[in-house]
């Protein structure tokens, strides 16, 4: 790459020396350090700038001496080369800072968003997190899964906003889910616990923020409005090891897709979706929307969970990504293959750059795994009979 600016310097110098005396191409030498800035650091840029100044001095020496015109050209080229070199140095410093911030952001994201195991009971699982390439912002998309007796409990969610606030809200919800998932027998009770945890977190960090006025503490202006703007959409599932069903509770989250052989795609719209978590003014009880619903999930079925960053991804012409239409062609690909196809197709749809973070989880009920589960139950019984 360095050969390009060096070649330009040589070419411009030769043409300037061979051109008529009233034609001066020396000012074009500034193009060389400017081009170098796009691919090299400050040291190389400075060297190319110095070479350009030397070429300008050579032109002046061979074309009648250092008259006022040549002196101005040399001075101007020197100043511009110094400015370009200084900019290159600042650019490298900013790139280093951004790389460090991104590294910290990715580490934080990995702590909150732990990788899902590839198998959970009779289920095959795959997950994918696609970060938006927007500086070093951390998204609030989240997912987790855990085993509860003979059942797999799953959550996927999306925190409103980006940055440290969203990752804080996501970490609170993930911590509450990992603890409460083993303590509550039903999804409705789990939602109640998660709602209380999120509301308590929001109240501590936003809602109860106060300022001192005339010796007394008063709520910070705008705290109530800010509290209402913080919420988390979530979808929770209980998937029993046995039986062709699952139990689903939606808290304002996009509905999952059920994929079956033959390209059949079914959108599992909840009959009574509940409000997002964090809408603390809305009480939740067994009669409220959000009560778990029974959904079909048979052997060989594949379930696709996703956040709104997938379906709201826009193409350059403004069209949204048609997820349900696209996945029909990949129904038999398996969890990992399905995510691979969606990722590649989604990036192609948006032109290679996502505007928002996106998360996806694929769960497939695999008949091949059921005999292993049955064998585990038979061994203790046979051992006890034999004893």
Protein backbone atom coordinates (compact mmCIF):
# COMPACT_ATOMS: atom_id res chain seq x y z
CA UNK A 1 0.00 0.00 0.00
CA UNK A 2 2.87 2.40 0.71
CA UNK A 3 3.89 2.04 -2.93
CA UNK A 4 0.79 3.98 -3.98
CA UNK A 5 1.66 7.33 -2.32
CA UNK A 6 5.34 6.88 -3.17
CA UNK A 7 4.42 6.23 -6.80
CA UNK A 8 2.23 9.34 -6.82
CA UNK A 9 5.10 11.46 -5.51
CA UNK A 10 7.45 10.16 -8.20
CA UNK A 11 4.83 10.60 -10.94
CA UNK A 12 3.84 14.14 -9.92
CA UNK A 13 7.51 15.16 -9.60
CA UNK A 14 8.41 13.85 -13.07
CA UNK A 15 5.40 15.46 -14.75
CA UNK A 16 6.07 18.77 -12.99
CA UNK A 17 9.70 18.75 -14.14
CA UNK A 18 8.76 17.92 -17.75
CA UNK A 19 5.83 20.32 -17.96
CA UNK A 20 6.13 23.90 -19.25
CA UNK A 21 7.47 26.42 -16.74
CA UNK A 22 4.08 28.11 -16.22
CA UNK A 23 2.45 24.82 -15.07
CA UNK A 24 3.00 23.88 -11.41
CA UNK A 25 1.84 20.46 -10.20
CA UNK A 26 3.78 20.53 -6.93
CA UNK A 27 0.68 21.37 -4.79
CA UNK A 28 -0.77 17.99 -5.80
CA UNK A 29 1.92 16.28 -3.69
CA UNK A 30 -0.30 16.77 -0.61
CA UNK A 31 -2.44 13.91 -1.98
CA UNK A 32 0.28 11.41 -0.98
CA UNK A 33 0.16 11.88 2.85
CA UNK A 34 -3.63 12.28 2.67
CA UNK A 35 -3.95 8.86 1.02
CA UNK A 36 -1.46 7.32 3.45
CA UNK A 37 -3.69 8.40 6.35
CA UNK A 38 -6.39 5.98 5.20
CA UNK A 39 -4.30 2.83 5.78
CA UNK A 40 -1.22 3.69 7.85
CA UNK A 41 -0.31 5.21 11.19
CA UNK A 42 1.25 8.57 12.05
CA UNK A 43 4.86 7.39 11.54
CA UNK A 44 4.34 6.24 7.95
CA UNK A 45 2.13 9.25 7.21
CA UNK A 46 4.83 11.58 8.50
CA UNK A 47 7.50 9.87 6.40
CA UNK A 48 5.37 10.16 3.26
CA UNK A 49 4.74 13.82 4.09
CA UNK A 50 8.46 14.44 4.48
CA UNK A 51 9.11 12.68 1.16
CA UNK A 52 6.50 14.92 -0.50
CA UNK A 53 8.18 18.04 0.91
CA UNK A 54 11.58 16.77 -0.30
CA UNK A 55 10.09 16.24 -3.76
CA UNK A 56 8.75 19.79 -3.74
CA UNK A 57 12.22 21.11 -2.79
CA UNK A 58 13.73 19.06 -5.63
CA UNK A 59 11.24 20.56 -8.08
CA UNK A 60 12.12 24.07 -6.92
CA UNK A 61 15.86 23.41 -7.20
CA UNK A 62 15.58 22.03 -10.75
CA UNK A 63 13.14 24.65 -12.04
CA UNK A 64 14.97 27.92 -11.56
CA UNK A 65 15.62 28.16 -7.82
CA UNK A 66 13.63 29.03 -4.71
CA UNK A 67 11.49 31.92 -5.89
CA UNK A 68 8.55 33.20 -3.87
CA UNK A 69 6.11 30.83 -5.55
CA UNK A 70 8.17 27.74 -4.70
CA UNK A 71 8.78 28.97 -1.13
CA UNK A 72 5.03 29.32 -0.57
CA UNK A 73 4.39 25.86 -2.02
CA UNK A 74 7.04 24.27 0.21
CA UNK A 75 5.74 26.06 3.32
CA UNK A 76 2.12 25.15 2.56
CA UNK A 77 2.99 21.49 1.87
CA UNK A 78 5.00 21.29 5.09
CA UNK A 79 2.15 22.70 7.18
CA UNK A 80 -0.43 20.43 5.56
CA UNK A 81 1.78 17.35 6.03
CA UNK A 82 2.24 18.20 9.72
CA UNK A 83 -1.51 18.63 10.17
CA UNK A 84 -2.25 15.34 8.44
CA UNK A 85 0.36 13.57 10.60
CA UNK A 86 -1.12 15.10 13.76
CA UNK A 87 -4.58 13.94 12.69
CA UNK A 88 -3.23 10.44 12.04
CA UNK A 89 -1.81 10.35 15.56
CA UNK A 90 -5.12 11.48 17.07
CA UNK A 91 -6.98 8.96 14.95
CA UNK A 92 -4.78 6.11 16.18
CA UNK A 93 -5.30 7.22 19.79
CA UNK A 94 -9.09 7.27 19.37
CA UNK A 95 -9.06 3.88 17.66
CA UNK A 96 -7.09 2.46 20.58
CA UNK A 97 -9.54 3.89 23.10
CA UNK A 98 -12.49 2.55 21.14
CA UNK A 99 -10.90 -0.91 20.90
CA UNK A 100 -10.40 -0.97 24.67
CA UNK A 101 -13.97 0.14 25.32
CA UNK A 102 -15.29 -2.48 22.92
CA UNK A 103 -13.22 -5.14 24.66
CA UNK A 104 -14.70 -4.19 28.02
CA UNK A 105 -18.19 -4.07 26.49
CA UNK A 106 -17.84 -7.53 24.99
CA UNK A 107 -16.51 -8.94 28.27
CA UNK A 108 -19.44 -7.41 30.15
CA UNK A 109 -21.86 -8.78 27.59
CA UNK A 110 -20.41 -12.29 27.97
CA UNK A 111 -20.79 -12.16 31.75
CA UNK A 112 -24.47 -11.24 31.49
CA UNK A 113 -25.24 -13.34 28.41
CA UNK A 114 -23.78 -16.76 29.12
CA UNK A 115 -23.63 -19.23 26.21
CA UNK A 116 -26.48 -21.72 26.18
CA UNK A 117 -25.65 -25.45 26.29
CA UNK A 118 -26.16 -27.34 23.04
CA UNK A 119 -28.40 -29.88 24.74
CA UNK A 120 -30.97 -29.52 27.51
CA UNK A 121 -32.78 -32.80 28.20
CA UNK A 122 -34.45 -33.90 24.95
CA UNK A 123 -33.85 -30.50 23.37
CA UNK A 124 -31.17 -29.32 20.96
CA UNK A 125 -30.37 -25.65 21.50
CA UNK A 126 -28.45 -22.98 19.59
CA UNK A 127 -28.19 -19.27 20.30
CA UNK A 128 -26.85 -16.22 18.50
CA UNK A 129 -26.19 -12.64 19.57
CA UNK A 130 -25.51 -10.06 16.85
CA UNK A 131 -24.27 -6.72 18.13
CA UNK A 132 -25.03 -3.55 16.22
CA UNK A 133 -21.86 -1.90 14.93
CA UNK A 134 -22.61 1.38 16.69
CA UNK A 135 -19.41 2.55 18.37
CA UNK A 136 -19.04 0.55 21.60
CA UNK A 137 -22.67 0.45 22.68
CA UNK A 138 -23.81 -2.59 24.64
CA UNK A 139 -27.25 -3.86 23.80
CA UNK A 140 -29.89 -5.05 26.24
CA UNK A 141 -30.91 -8.26 24.43
CA UNK A 142 -30.81 -11.28 26.70
CA UNK A 143 -31.56 -14.99 26.90
CA UNK A 144 -31.05 -17.82 29.37
CA UNK A 145 -32.15 -21.42 29.89
CA UNK A 146 -32.03 -23.80 32.81
CA UNK A 147 -33.20 -27.27 33.77
CA UNK A 148 -35.99 -27.51 36.37
CA UNK A 149 -36.75 -31.13 37.29
CA UNK A 150 -38.03 -32.78 34.07
CA UNK A 151 -38.55 -29.49 32.32
CA UNK A 152 -36.50 -26.83 30.52
CA UNK A 153 -37.22 -23.21 31.42
CA UNK A 154 -36.25 -20.52 28.90
CA UNK A 155 -36.35 -16.74 28.78
CA UNK A 156 -35.57 -14.27 26.00
CA UNK A 157 -35.93 -10.53 26.43
CA UNK A 158 -35.04 -7.09 25.23
CA UNK A 159 -34.29 -4.10 27.44
CA UNK A 160 -35.34 -0.73 26.09
CA UNK A 161 -32.33 1.33 25.03
CA UNK A 162 -28.59 0.69 24.91
CA UNK A 163 -25.47 1.37 26.91
CA UNK A 164 -24.71 0.88 30.59
CA UNK A 165 -28.32 1.45 31.69
CA UNK A 166 -29.62 -1.39 29.53
CA UNK A 167 -26.86 -3.79 30.56
CA UNK A 168 -27.61 -2.99 34.21
CA UNK A 169 -31.30 -3.76 33.72
CA UNK A 170 -30.45 -6.95 31.79
CA UNK A 171 -28.07 -8.16 34.50
CA UNK A 172 -30.74 -7.65 37.17
CA UNK A 173 -33.28 -9.66 35.18
CA UNK A 174 -30.81 -12.43 34.39
CA UNK A 175 -29.75 -12.73 38.01
CA UNK A 176 -33.36 -12.85 39.16
CA UNK A 177 -34.28 -15.47 36.54
CA UNK A 178 -31.36 -17.79 37.33
CA UNK A 179 -32.29 -17.73 41.02
CA UNK A 180 -36.09 -17.72 40.84
CA UNK A 181 -36.39 -20.29 38.04
CA UNK A 182 -35.55 -23.04 40.55
CA UNK A 183 -37.82 -21.69 43.29
CA UNK A 184 -41.14 -21.18 41.53
CA UNK A 185 -43.29 -24.05 40.22
CA UNK A 186 -45.21 -21.98 37.65
CA UNK A 187 -44.38 -19.39 35.02
CA UNK A 188 -46.90 -16.96 36.48
CA UNK A 189 -45.14 -16.98 39.85
CA UNK A 190 -41.82 -16.60 38.08
CA UNK A 191 -43.11 -13.55 36.21
CA UNK A 192 -44.32 -12.04 39.47
CA UNK A 193 -40.87 -12.46 41.03
CA UNK A 194 -39.12 -11.05 37.97
CA UNK A 195 -41.49 -8.08 37.90
CA UNK A 196 -40.80 -7.30 41.55
CA UNK A 197 -37.04 -7.55 41.00
CA UNK A 198 -37.12 -5.24 37.98
CA UNK A 199 -39.41 -2.70 39.68
CA UNK A 200 -37.26 -2.69 42.80
CA UNK A 201 -34.15 -2.13 40.70
CA UNK A 202 -35.77 0.70 38.76
CA UNK A 203 -37.08 2.32 41.94
CA UNK A 204 -33.66 2.23 43.58
CA UNK A 205 -31.81 3.67 40.61
CA UNK A 206 -34.41 5.99 39.08
CA UNK A 207 -37.76 6.29 40.76
CA UNK A 208 -36.58 7.14 44.28
CA UNK A 209 -33.77 9.44 43.14
CA UNK A 210 -34.20 12.68 45.08
CA UNK A 211 -32.78 16.15 45.41
CA UNK A 212 -32.55 18.31 48.49
CA UNK A 213 -34.70 21.45 48.49
CA UNK A 214 -35.14 23.74 51.52
CA UNK A 215 -33.66 21.08 53.77
CA UNK A 216 -36.04 18.35 52.62
CA UNK A 217 -35.58 15.60 50.04
CA UNK A 218 -37.93 15.71 47.06
CA UNK A 219 -38.23 13.40 44.05
CA UNK A 220 -35.91 14.38 41.25
CA UNK A 221 -37.78 16.23 38.50
CA UNK A 222 -38.63 13.90 35.65
CA UNK A 223 -37.97 10.73 37.70
CA UNK A 224 -41.51 9.40 37.21
CA UNK A 225 -41.35 10.00 33.47
CA UNK A 226 -37.94 8.28 33.26
CA UNK A 227 -39.25 5.36 35.29
CA UNK A 228 -42.12 4.81 32.84
CA UNK A 229 -39.69 4.76 29.93
CA UNK A 230 -37.73 1.80 31.35
CA UNK A 231 -39.16 -1.63 30.62
CA UNK A 232 -38.15 -5.09 29.41
CA UNK A 233 -40.07 -7.21 26.94
CA UNK A 234 -39.74 -10.91 27.72
CA UNK A 235 -40.95 -14.31 26.60
CA UNK A 236 -40.84 -17.24 29.05
CA UNK A 237 -41.24 -20.91 28.22
CA UNK A 238 -41.64 -24.13 30.16
CA UNK A 239 -40.88 -27.14 27.93
CA UNK A 240 -41.63 -30.52 29.59
CA UNK A 241 -39.42 -33.44 28.63
CA UNK A 242 -42.51 -35.54 27.89
CA UNK A 243 -45.59 -34.52 25.95
CA UNK A 244 -46.07 -32.65 22.66
CA UNK A 245 -46.68 -29.28 24.32
CA UNK A 246 -44.97 -26.33 25.95
CA UNK A 247 -46.18 -23.50 28.14
CA UNK A 248 -45.60 -19.91 27.08
CA UNK A 249 -46.04 -16.54 28.78
CA UNK A 250 -45.45 -13.32 26.86
CA UNK A 251 -44.64 -9.97 28.41
CA UNK A 252 -44.90 -7.73 25.38
CA UNK A 253 -42.32 -9.72 23.40
CA UNK A 254 -42.46 -10.68 19.68
CA UNK A 255 -44.17 -14.07 19.22
CA UNK A 256 -41.98 -17.11 18.51
CA UNK A 257 -42.08 -19.10 15.29
CA UNK A 258 -42.79 -22.83 15.19
CA UNK A 259 -41.08 -24.59 12.26
CA UNK A 260 -42.14 -27.99 11.01
CA UNK A 261 -41.02 -30.29 8.21
CA UNK A 262 -42.20 -29.31 4.78
CA UNK A 263 -41.58 -25.60 5.25
CA UNK A 264 -44.53 -24.99 7.57
CA UNK A 265 -44.03 -21.90 9.75
CA UNK A 266 -46.54 -21.06 12.49
CA UNK A 267 -46.46 -17.79 14.42
CA UNK A 268 -47.44 -18.56 18.02
CA UNK A 269 -49.41 -15.46 18.92
CA UNK A 270 -50.38 -15.45 22.61
CA UNK A 271 -54.11 -15.02 23.22
CA UNK A 272 -53.53 -12.76 26.24
CA UNK A 273 -50.07 -11.16 26.16
CA UNK A 274 -49.06 -9.35 29.31
CA UNK A 275 -47.34 -5.98 29.61
CA UNK A 276 -43.54 -5.73 29.59
CA UNK A 277 -41.64 -6.20 32.82
CA UNK A 278 -41.02 -2.94 34.64
CA UNK A 279 -44.49 -1.49 34.10
CA UNK A 280 -44.74 -1.27 37.84
CA UNK A 281 -48.12 0.45 37.99
CA UNK A 282 -49.85 -2.58 36.45
CA UNK A 283 -50.57 -5.37 38.98
CA UNK A 284 -50.21 -8.98 37.89
CA UNK A 285 -52.32 -11.84 39.14
CA UNK A 286 -53.58 -15.20 37.92
CA UNK A 287 -56.43 -13.48 36.08
CA UNK A 288 -54.32 -10.92 34.29
CA UNK A 289 -53.02 -11.10 30.76
CA UNK A 290 -49.75 -12.94 30.62
CA UNK A 291 -51.11 -16.17 32.10
CA UNK A 292 -49.15 -19.09 30.61
CA UNK A 293 -50.75 -20.69 27.56
CA UNK A 294 -50.37 -24.21 26.20
CA UNK A 295 -48.75 -24.35 22.78
CA UNK A 296 -47.93 -27.32 20.49
CA UNK A 297 -44.34 -28.55 20.46
CA UNK A 298 -44.00 -32.06 19.08
CA UNK A 299 -41.03 -34.30 18.34
CA UNK A 300 -39.07 -32.82 15.42
CA UNK A 301 -40.55 -29.35 15.86
CA UNK A 302 -38.22 -26.37 15.94
CA UNK A 303 -38.92 -23.21 17.91
CA UNK A 304 -37.35 -19.88 16.93
CA UNK A 305 -37.19 -17.15 19.58
CA UNK A 306 -35.91 -13.71 18.62
CA UNK A 307 -35.81 -10.05 19.65
CA UNK A 308 -37.21 -7.11 17.71
CA UNK A 309 -33.76 -6.30 16.34
CA UNK A 310 -34.33 -9.15 13.86
CA UNK A 311 -37.79 -8.32 12.51
CA UNK A 312 -37.22 -4.55 12.64
CA UNK A 313 -33.96 -4.70 10.67
CA UNK A 314 -34.37 -2.52 7.59
CA UNK A 315 -32.97 -2.86 4.10
CA UNK A 316 -31.52 0.24 2.41
CA UNK A 317 -34.95 0.81 0.79
CA UNK A 318 -36.65 0.78 4.21
CA UNK A 319 -38.32 -2.67 4.07
CA UNK A 320 -38.32 -4.79 7.22
CA UNK A 321 -36.73 -8.22 7.34
CA UNK A 322 -39.44 -10.86 6.56
CA UNK A 323 -38.29 -13.45 9.08
CA UNK A 324 -41.29 -15.80 8.86
CA UNK A 325 -41.08 -15.93 5.07
CA UNK A 326 -37.33 -16.49 4.94
CA UNK A 327 -37.07 -19.29 7.52
CA UNK A 328 -39.56 -21.50 5.67
CA UNK A 329 -36.82 -22.61 3.28
CA UNK A 330 -34.52 -23.69 6.13
CA UNK A 331 -36.92 -25.73 8.29
CA UNK A 332 -34.78 -28.87 8.06
CA UNK A 333 -31.43 -27.24 8.76
CA UNK A 334 -31.17 -27.99 12.49
CA UNK A 335 -30.60 -25.35 15.20
CA UNK A 336 -27.03 -24.34 14.28
CA UNK A 337 -27.68 -24.43 10.54
CA UNK A 338 -30.85 -22.37 10.90
CA UNK A 339 -29.04 -19.62 12.79
CA UNK A 340 -26.24 -19.66 10.22
CA UNK A 341 -28.71 -19.14 7.37
CA UNK A 342 -30.63 -16.40 9.18
CA UNK A 343 -27.47 -14.52 10.14
CA UNK A 344 -26.12 -14.52 6.60
CA UNK A 345 -29.48 -13.59 5.08
CA UNK A 346 -30.16 -10.86 7.66
CA UNK A 347 -26.82 -9.16 7.06
CA UNK A 348 -27.39 -9.33 3.32
CA UNK A 349 -30.82 -7.75 3.78
CA UNK A 350 -29.52 -4.75 5.76
CA UNK A 351 -26.41 -4.28 3.65
CA UNK A 352 -23.95 -5.73 6.12
CA UNK A 353 -24.65 -3.47 9.11
CA UNK A 354 -27.33 -3.89 11.78
CA UNK A 355 -28.91 -0.80 13.28
CA UNK A 356 -29.88 -2.57 16.52
CA UNK A 357 -28.69 -5.58 18.46
CA UNK A 358 -30.40 -8.86 17.66
CA UNK A 359 -30.63 -12.13 19.60
CA UNK A 360 -32.03 -15.49 18.55
CA UNK A 361 -32.51 -18.86 20.24
CA UNK A 362 -33.45 -22.04 18.36
CA UNK A 363 -34.88 -25.01 20.28
CA UNK A 364 -35.61 -28.34 18.64
CA UNK A 365 -37.36 -31.26 20.31
CA UNK A 366 -35.29 -34.19 19.13
CA UNK A 367 -36.85 -37.67 19.12
CA UNK A 368 -33.36 -39.18 19.04
CA UNK A 369 -32.70 -37.93 22.56
CA UNK A 370 -35.77 -39.52 24.15
CA UNK A 371 -34.35 -43.09 24.37
CA UNK A 372 -31.46 -41.75 26.43
CA UNK A 373 -33.89 -40.20 28.88
CA UNK A 374 -35.90 -43.43 29.07
CA UNK A 375 -32.73 -45.46 29.64
CA UNK A 376 -31.75 -43.23 32.56
CA UNK A 377 -35.12 -43.91 34.19
CA UNK A 378 -34.92 -47.67 33.58
CA UNK A 379 -31.45 -48.21 35.01
CA UNK A 380 -32.28 -47.24 38.62
CA UNK A 381 -35.46 -49.33 38.52
CA UNK A 382 -33.65 -52.41 37.21
CA UNK A 383 -30.83 -51.95 39.70
CA UNK A 384 -33.26 -51.73 42.60
CA UNK A 385 -35.13 -54.85 41.40
CA UNK A 386 -31.92 -56.77 41.01
CA UNK A 387 -30.78 -55.85 44.53
